Amino acid sequence: MKQADIKNLSAGDLQNKLAELKAEYTKVKLSHKISPVENPIQIKDLRRTIARLNTELTNKQ
């Protein structure tokens, strides 16, 4: 998710998206521990997107 897209979201949308991505991150992380995922960079991208959402949510509050 791009920074411009994140800035356009409301605080409620940010919280919903954050919860969704955190669940996806834990699922991908767990599946990676069991057997390697095809694209391990996906884990890094999810972690960074979660950080961007947290930052934007803090700025909006």
C-alpha atoms as a PDB file:
ATOM      1  CA  MET A   1       0.000   0.000   0.000  1.00  0.00           C
ATOM      2  CA  LYS A   2       1.431   3.358  -0.988  1.00  0.00           C
ATOM      3  CA  GLN A   3       1.860   6.286   1.371  1.00  0.00           C
ATOM      4  CA  ALA A   4      -0.526   8.463  -0.663  1.00  0.00           C
ATOM      5  CA  ASP A   5      -3.252   5.825  -0.332  1.00  0.00           C
ATOM      6  CA  ILE A   6      -2.694   5.616   3.410  1.00  0.00           C
ATOM      7  CA  LYS A   7      -2.978   9.389   3.874  1.00  0.00           C
ATOM      8  CA  ASN A   8      -6.409   9.388   2.196  1.00  0.00           C
ATOM      9  CA  LEU A   9      -7.899   6.859   4.643  1.00  0.00           C
ATOM     10  CA  SER A  10      -9.940   7.918   7.668  1.00  0.00           C
ATOM     11  CA  ALA A  11      -8.984   6.893  11.206  1.00  0.00           C
ATOM     12  CA  GLY A  12     -11.604   4.117  11.243  1.00  0.00           C
ATOM     13  CA  ASP A  13     -10.428   2.773   7.913  1.00  0.00           C
ATOM     14  CA  LEU A  14      -6.833   2.849   9.154  1.00  0.00           C
ATOM     15  CA  GLN A  15      -7.743   0.773  12.208  1.00  0.00           C
ATOM     16  CA  ASN A  16      -9.654  -1.761  10.094  1.00  0.00           C
ATOM     17  CA  LYS A  17      -6.820  -2.082   7.584  1.00  0.00           C
ATOM     18  CA  LEU A  18      -4.287  -2.338  10.404  1.00  0.00           C
ATOM     19  CA  ALA A  19      -6.159  -5.205  12.044  1.00  0.00           C
ATOM     20  CA  GLU A  20      -6.484  -6.961   8.680  1.00  0.00           C
ATOM     21  CA  LEU A  21      -2.782  -6.625   7.874  1.00  0.00           C
ATOM     22  CA  LYS A  22      -1.678  -7.709  11.356  1.00  0.00           C
ATOM     23  CA  ALA A  23      -3.736 -10.900  10.973  1.00  0.00           C
ATOM     24  CA  GLU A  24      -2.249 -11.513   7.536  1.00  0.00           C
ATOM     25  CA  TYR A  25       1.262 -10.850   8.861  1.00  0.00           C
ATOM     26  CA  THR A  26       0.922 -13.410  11.634  1.00  0.00           C
ATOM     27  CA  LYS A  27      -0.486 -15.949   9.185  1.00  0.00           C
ATOM     28  CA  VAL A  28       2.382 -15.450   6.714  1.00  0.00           C
ATOM     29  CA  LYS A  29       4.960 -15.480   9.507  1.00  0.00           C
ATOM     30  CA  LEU A  30       3.600 -18.763  10.870  1.00  0.00           C
ATOM     31  CA  SER A  31       3.451 -20.404   7.456  1.00  0.00           C
ATOM     32  CA  HIS A  32       7.025 -19.264   6.797  1.00  0.00           C
ATOM     33  CA  LYS A  33       8.209 -21.012   9.958  1.00  0.00           C
ATOM     34  CA  ILE A  34       6.557 -24.260   8.871  1.00  0.00           C
ATOM     35  CA  SER A  35       7.750 -24.160   5.286  1.00  0.00           C
ATOM     36  CA  PRO A  36       9.445 -21.298   3.421  1.00  0.00           C
ATOM     37  CA  VAL A  37       7.096 -18.983   1.531  1.00  0.00           C
ATOM     38  CA  GLU A  38       7.644 -18.277  -2.143  1.00  0.00           C
ATOM     39  CA  ASN A  39       8.293 -14.585  -1.602  1.00  0.00           C
ATOM     40  CA  PRO A  40       9.969 -13.836   1.747  1.00  0.00           C
ATOM     41  CA  ILE A  41      10.095 -10.131   0.886  1.00  0.00           C
ATOM     42  CA  GLN A  42       6.322 -10.152   1.403  1.00  0.00           C
ATOM     43  CA  ILE A  43       6.967 -10.432   5.158  1.00  0.00           C
ATOM     44  CA  LYS A  44       9.134  -7.308   5.124  1.00  0.00           C
ATOM     45  CA  ASP A  45       6.584  -5.410   3.029  1.00  0.00           C
ATOM     46  CA  LEU A  46       3.755  -6.311   5.407  1.00  0.00           C
ATOM     47  CA  ARG A  47       5.796  -5.223   8.422  1.00  0.00           C
ATOM     48  CA  ARG A  48       6.607  -1.878   6.789  1.00  0.00           C
ATOM     49  CA  THR A  49       3.001  -1.291   5.734  1.00  0.00           C
ATOM     50  CA  ILE A  50       1.852  -1.969   9.293  1.00  0.00           C
ATOM     51  CA  ALA A  51       4.395   0.574  10.541  1.00  0.00           C
ATOM     52  CA  ARG A  52       3.174   3.146   8.003  1.00  0.00           C
ATOM     53  CA  LEU A  53      -0.434   2.611   9.096  1.00  0.00           C
ATOM     54  CA  ASN A  54       0.527   2.971  12.775  1.00  0.00           C
ATOM     55  CA  THR A  55       2.391   6.194  12.034  1.00  0.00           C
ATOM     56  CA  GLU A  56      -0.468   7.698  10.066  1.00  0.00           C
ATOM     57  CA  LEU A  57      -2.992   6.668  12.718  1.00  0.00           C
ATOM     58  CA  THR A  58      -0.894   8.391  15.382  1.00  0.00           C
ATOM     59  CA  ASN A  59      -0.688  11.537  13.235  1.00  0.00           C
ATOM     60  CA  LYS A  60      -4.465  11.633  12.760  1.00  0.00           C
ATOM     61  CA  GLN A  61      -5.169  11.357  16.497  1.00  0.00           C
END
